[in-house]
Amino acid sequence: MDFRPKGDIRSIYELLQYLCIVGTALPDYWLNENGSDFFASFDKKAAISKQMPHEQFLPVMNNQIDLINELFDRIDESDLLNKEVTYPWGGKAPFGEA
């Protein structure tokens, strides 16, 4: 779990922790937290994920799938085509593109 392909690359364990939050970070922000500080929210989730033992990876990833399904159930075709979202780092895009 501590293997790093190179000194400055995430270990396998760190990669698993990151994968537990990254997949839903932006859709969750756009649908639930829009207007708040994305980076503060993401940093909080990242700090929590860094405490996660590797044995929790599969249940947490299953929760990610459930959250993605829940979020996508709230989006209709019109939203994908017409709703505009703002990236936390600047710039805007149609929701379907983002």
N, C-alpha and C. Protein backbone atom coordinates (compact mmCIF):
# COMPACT_ATOMS: atom_id res chain seq x y z
N MET A 1 0.82 -1.20 0.00
CA MET A 1 0.00 0.00 0.00
C MET A 1 0.86 1.27 0.00
N ASP A 2 2.09 1.15 0.47
CA ASP A 2 2.96 2.33 0.53
C ASP A 2 3.82 2.51 -0.71
N PHE A 3 3.66 1.62 -1.71
CA PHE A 3 4.47 1.72 -2.92
C PHE A 3 4.21 3.04 -3.64
N ARG A 4 5.29 3.70 -4.04
CA ARG A 4 5.24 4.91 -4.85
C ARG A 4 6.04 4.64 -6.13
N PRO A 5 5.45 4.87 -7.29
CA PRO A 5 6.21 4.67 -8.53
C PRO A 5 7.43 5.60 -8.61
N LYS A 6 7.32 6.72 -7.92
CA LYS A 6 8.38 7.72 -7.89
C LYS A 6 8.19 8.50 -6.60
N GLY A 7 9.23 9.10 -6.09
CA GLY A 7 9.18 9.77 -4.79
C GLY A 7 8.08 10.80 -4.60
N ASP A 8 7.74 11.55 -5.65
CA ASP A 8 6.75 12.61 -5.50
C ASP A 8 5.36 12.23 -6.03
N ILE A 9 5.16 10.95 -6.27
CA ILE A 9 3.87 10.44 -6.75
C ILE A 9 3.12 9.82 -5.57
N ARG A 10 1.78 9.93 -5.60
CA ARG A 10 0.98 9.32 -4.53
C ARG A 10 1.29 7.84 -4.40
N SER A 11 1.26 7.37 -3.15
CA SER A 11 1.35 5.93 -2.91
C SER A 11 0.02 5.30 -3.32
N ILE A 12 -0.02 3.99 -3.39
CA ILE A 12 -1.28 3.30 -3.70
C ILE A 12 -2.33 3.66 -2.66
N TYR A 13 -1.95 3.69 -1.41
CA TYR A 13 -2.87 4.04 -0.32
C TYR A 13 -3.40 5.46 -0.50
N GLU A 14 -2.53 6.40 -0.80
CA GLU A 14 -2.97 7.79 -1.00
C GLU A 14 -3.87 7.91 -2.23
N LEU A 15 -3.58 7.13 -3.25
CA LEU A 15 -4.42 7.15 -4.45
C LEU A 15 -5.82 6.63 -4.12
N LEU A 16 -5.91 5.55 -3.36
CA LEU A 16 -7.22 5.03 -2.96
C LEU A 16 -7.99 6.08 -2.16
N GLN A 17 -7.32 6.75 -1.26
CA GLN A 17 -7.98 7.80 -0.46
C GLN A 17 -8.50 8.91 -1.37
N TYR A 18 -7.70 9.32 -2.34
CA TYR A 18 -8.09 10.38 -3.27
C TYR A 18 -9.29 9.94 -4.11
N LEU A 19 -9.26 8.71 -4.59
CA LEU A 19 -10.35 8.21 -5.42
C LEU A 19 -11.68 8.17 -4.68
N CYS A 20 -11.62 8.11 -3.37
CA CYS A 20 -12.83 8.06 -2.55
C CYS A 20 -13.57 9.39 -2.51
N ILE A 21 -12.96 10.46 -2.98
CA ILE A 21 -13.64 11.76 -2.94
C ILE A 21 -13.70 12.47 -4.29
N VAL A 22 -12.77 12.18 -5.17
CA VAL A 22 -12.64 12.99 -6.38
C VAL A 22 -13.79 12.80 -7.37
N GLY A 23 -14.35 11.62 -7.45
CA GLY A 23 -15.37 11.34 -8.45
C GLY A 23 -16.65 12.12 -8.29
N THR A 24 -16.98 12.48 -7.07
CA THR A 24 -18.23 13.20 -6.82
C THR A 24 -18.01 14.65 -6.41
N ALA A 25 -16.78 15.08 -6.30
CA ALA A 25 -16.50 16.42 -5.75
C ALA A 25 -17.20 17.53 -6.52
N LEU A 26 -17.01 17.60 -7.83
CA LEU A 26 -17.62 18.69 -8.59
C LEU A 26 -19.13 18.55 -8.75
N PRO A 27 -19.67 17.39 -9.14
CA PRO A 27 -21.13 17.31 -9.23
C PRO A 27 -21.82 17.60 -7.90
N ASP A 28 -21.25 17.12 -6.80
CA ASP A 28 -21.82 17.39 -5.48
C ASP A 28 -21.78 18.88 -5.19
N TYR A 29 -20.68 19.52 -5.51
CA TYR A 29 -20.55 20.97 -5.30
C TYR A 29 -21.59 21.72 -6.12
N TRP A 30 -21.70 21.40 -7.41
CA TRP A 30 -22.62 22.14 -8.28
C TRP A 30 -24.08 21.93 -7.89
N LEU A 31 -24.43 20.75 -7.38
CA LEU A 31 -25.82 20.48 -7.07
C LEU A 31 -26.18 20.75 -5.60
N ASN A 32 -25.22 20.73 -4.70
CA ASN A 32 -25.53 20.86 -3.27
C ASN A 32 -24.85 22.03 -2.57
N GLU A 33 -23.71 22.45 -3.06
CA GLU A 33 -22.94 23.44 -2.32
C GLU A 33 -22.59 24.67 -3.15
N ASN A 34 -23.22 24.84 -4.30
CA ASN A 34 -22.87 25.94 -5.18
C ASN A 34 -22.89 27.27 -4.43
N GLY A 35 -21.88 28.05 -4.63
CA GLY A 35 -21.78 29.34 -3.94
C GLY A 35 -20.89 29.29 -2.72
N SER A 36 -20.64 28.10 -2.21
CA SER A 36 -19.73 27.98 -1.07
C SER A 36 -18.30 27.87 -1.60
N ASP A 37 -17.36 27.80 -0.72
CA ASP A 37 -15.95 27.70 -1.10
C ASP A 37 -15.63 26.24 -1.43
N PHE A 38 -15.51 25.94 -2.71
CA PHE A 38 -15.24 24.57 -3.15
C PHE A 38 -13.97 24.02 -2.51
N PHE A 39 -12.92 24.82 -2.51
CA PHE A 39 -11.63 24.32 -2.03
C PHE A 39 -11.66 24.02 -0.54
N ALA A 40 -12.37 24.81 0.23
CA ALA A 40 -12.51 24.51 1.67
C ALA A 40 -13.27 23.20 1.85
N SER A 41 -14.33 23.03 1.09
CA SER A 41 -15.12 21.80 1.17
C SER A 41 -14.29 20.60 0.73
N PHE A 42 -13.57 20.73 -0.38
CA PHE A 42 -12.75 19.63 -0.88
C PHE A 42 -11.63 19.30 0.10
N ASP A 43 -11.00 20.33 0.66
CA ASP A 43 -9.92 20.09 1.63
C ASP A 43 -10.43 19.35 2.86
N LYS A 44 -11.66 19.68 3.29
CA LYS A 44 -12.25 18.99 4.44
C LYS A 44 -12.48 17.52 4.10
N LYS A 45 -13.03 17.25 2.91
CA LYS A 45 -13.25 15.86 2.48
C LYS A 45 -11.92 15.13 2.35
N ALA A 46 -10.91 15.81 1.83
CA ALA A 46 -9.59 15.18 1.67
C ALA A 46 -9.00 14.84 3.03
N ALA A 47 -9.14 15.73 4.00
CA ALA A 47 -8.61 15.47 5.34
C ALA A 47 -9.29 14.25 5.96
N ILE A 48 -10.60 14.15 5.77
CA ILE A 48 -11.34 12.99 6.29
C ILE A 48 -10.89 11.72 5.59
N SER A 49 -10.70 11.79 4.26
CA SER A 49 -10.31 10.60 3.50
C SER A 49 -8.92 10.11 3.90
N LYS A 50 -8.07 11.03 4.34
CA LYS A 50 -6.71 10.65 4.73
C LYS A 50 -6.69 9.87 6.04
N GLN A 51 -7.79 9.86 6.75
CA GLN A 51 -7.91 9.08 7.99
C GLN A 51 -8.50 7.70 7.73
N MET A 52 -8.94 7.46 6.50
CA MET A 52 -9.63 6.22 6.15
C MET A 52 -8.64 5.06 6.03
N PRO A 53 -8.90 3.97 6.74
CA PRO A 53 -8.06 2.79 6.55
C PRO A 53 -8.35 2.17 5.18
N HIS A 54 -7.35 1.52 4.61
CA HIS A 54 -7.52 0.99 3.26
C HIS A 54 -8.62 -0.07 3.19
N GLU A 55 -8.96 -0.70 4.29
CA GLU A 55 -10.03 -1.70 4.29
C GLU A 55 -11.39 -1.07 3.99
N GLN A 56 -11.51 0.23 4.15
CA GLN A 56 -12.77 0.92 3.89
C GLN A 56 -12.94 1.35 2.44
N PHE A 57 -11.92 1.12 1.63
CA PHE A 57 -11.97 1.59 0.25
C PHE A 57 -13.20 1.10 -0.51
N LEU A 58 -13.47 -0.18 -0.50
CA LEU A 58 -14.61 -0.71 -1.27
C LEU A 58 -15.95 -0.16 -0.79
N PRO A 59 -16.25 -0.14 0.52
CA PRO A 59 -17.53 0.44 0.93
C PRO A 59 -17.64 1.93 0.59
N VAL A 60 -16.55 2.64 0.72
CA VAL A 60 -16.59 4.08 0.40
C VAL A 60 -16.80 4.29 -1.09
N MET A 61 -16.15 3.48 -1.92
CA MET A 61 -16.36 3.60 -3.37
C MET A 61 -17.79 3.21 -3.74
N ASN A 62 -18.37 2.23 -3.06
CA ASN A 62 -19.78 1.91 -3.29
C ASN A 62 -20.67 3.08 -2.92
N ASN A 63 -20.33 3.79 -1.85
CA ASN A 63 -21.08 5.00 -1.49
C ASN A 63 -20.93 6.08 -2.56
N GLN A 64 -19.75 6.15 -3.18
CA GLN A 64 -19.55 7.10 -4.27
C GLN A 64 -20.51 6.78 -5.43
N ILE A 65 -20.65 5.51 -5.75
CA ILE A 65 -21.56 5.12 -6.82
C ILE A 65 -22.99 5.51 -6.47
N ASP A 66 -23.39 5.28 -5.22
CA ASP A 66 -24.73 5.66 -4.79
C ASP A 66 -24.93 7.17 -4.89
N LEU A 67 -23.93 7.94 -4.47
CA LEU A 67 -24.04 9.40 -4.54
C LEU A 67 -24.08 9.86 -5.99
N ILE A 68 -23.28 9.28 -6.86
CA ILE A 68 -23.31 9.65 -8.27
C ILE A 68 -24.70 9.37 -8.85
N ASN A 69 -25.26 8.20 -8.54
CA ASN A 69 -26.61 7.88 -9.02
C ASN A 69 -27.63 8.89 -8.51
N GLU A 70 -27.54 9.24 -7.23
CA GLU A 70 -28.45 10.22 -6.64
C GLU A 70 -28.31 11.58 -7.34
N LEU A 71 -27.08 12.01 -7.54
CA LEU A 71 -26.84 13.30 -8.18
C LEU A 71 -27.34 13.30 -9.62
N PHE A 72 -27.03 12.25 -10.36
CA PHE A 72 -27.44 12.20 -11.77
C PHE A 72 -28.95 12.08 -11.91
N ASP A 73 -29.62 11.47 -10.93
CA ASP A 73 -31.08 11.40 -10.97
C ASP A 73 -31.71 12.79 -10.87
N ARG A 74 -30.98 13.73 -10.34
CA ARG A 74 -31.50 15.10 -10.18
C ARG A 74 -31.23 15.98 -11.40
N ILE A 75 -30.54 15.46 -12.39
CA ILE A 75 -30.18 16.23 -13.58
C ILE A 75 -31.03 15.75 -14.74
N ASP A 76 -31.67 16.69 -15.43
CA ASP A 76 -32.41 16.29 -16.63
C ASP A 76 -31.68 16.79 -17.87
N GLU A 77 -32.17 16.38 -19.01
CA GLU A 77 -31.51 16.71 -20.27
C GLU A 77 -31.41 18.22 -20.48
N SER A 78 -32.44 18.92 -20.06
CA SER A 78 -32.43 20.38 -20.19
C SER A 78 -31.28 20.99 -19.38
N ASP A 79 -31.05 20.46 -18.17
CA ASP A 79 -29.93 20.94 -17.35
C ASP A 79 -28.60 20.73 -18.07
N LEU A 80 -28.45 19.56 -18.68
CA LEU A 80 -27.20 19.25 -19.37
C LEU A 80 -26.94 20.22 -20.52
N LEU A 81 -27.99 20.62 -21.19
CA LEU A 81 -27.85 21.50 -22.35
C LEU A 81 -27.84 22.98 -21.99
N ASN A 82 -28.62 23.37 -20.98
CA ASN A 82 -28.86 24.80 -20.75
C ASN A 82 -28.27 25.37 -19.46
N LYS A 83 -28.11 24.55 -18.46
CA LYS A 83 -27.60 25.05 -17.18
C LYS A 83 -26.10 25.34 -17.31
N GLU A 84 -25.70 26.49 -16.80
CA GLU A 84 -24.29 26.85 -16.82
C GLU A 84 -23.72 26.73 -15.42
N VAL A 85 -22.54 26.16 -15.33
CA VAL A 85 -21.87 26.02 -14.04
C VAL A 85 -20.53 26.74 -14.09
N THR A 86 -20.08 27.13 -12.92
CA THR A 86 -18.81 27.83 -12.79
C THR A 86 -17.80 26.88 -12.16
N TYR A 87 -16.67 26.74 -12.80
CA TYR A 87 -15.59 25.94 -12.22
C TYR A 87 -15.01 26.67 -11.02
N PRO A 88 -14.62 25.95 -9.98
CA PRO A 88 -14.06 26.60 -8.79
C PRO A 88 -12.78 27.39 -9.09
N TRP A 89 -12.06 27.01 -10.12
CA TRP A 89 -10.81 27.68 -10.46
C TRP A 89 -11.02 28.78 -11.49
N GLY A 90 -12.29 29.03 -11.86
CA GLY A 90 -12.63 30.09 -12.81
C GLY A 90 -13.10 29.51 -14.12
N GLY A 91 -13.91 30.26 -14.80
CA GLY A 91 -14.46 29.82 -16.08
C GLY A 91 -15.81 29.16 -15.90
N LYS A 92 -16.57 29.20 -16.98
CA LYS A 92 -17.92 28.61 -16.97
C LYS A 92 -18.05 27.64 -18.13
N ALA A 93 -19.02 26.74 -18.00
CA ALA A 93 -19.28 25.76 -19.05
C ALA A 93 -20.71 25.25 -18.92
N PRO A 94 -21.30 24.77 -20.01
CA PRO A 94 -22.58 24.09 -19.89
C PRO A 94 -22.42 22.88 -18.97
N PHE A 95 -23.44 22.61 -18.20
CA PHE A 95 -23.36 21.52 -17.21
C PHE A 95 -22.99 20.19 -17.87
N GLY A 96 -23.57 19.92 -19.03
CA GLY A 96 -23.26 18.66 -19.72
C GLY A 96 -21.81 18.55 -20.13
N GLU A 97 -21.20 19.66 -20.47
CA GLU A 97 -19.78 19.65 -20.83
C GLU A 97 -18.90 19.50 -19.59
N ALA A 98 -19.30 20.21 -18.52
CA ALA A 98 -18.52 20.17 -17.28
C ALA A 98 -18.57 18.81 -16.66
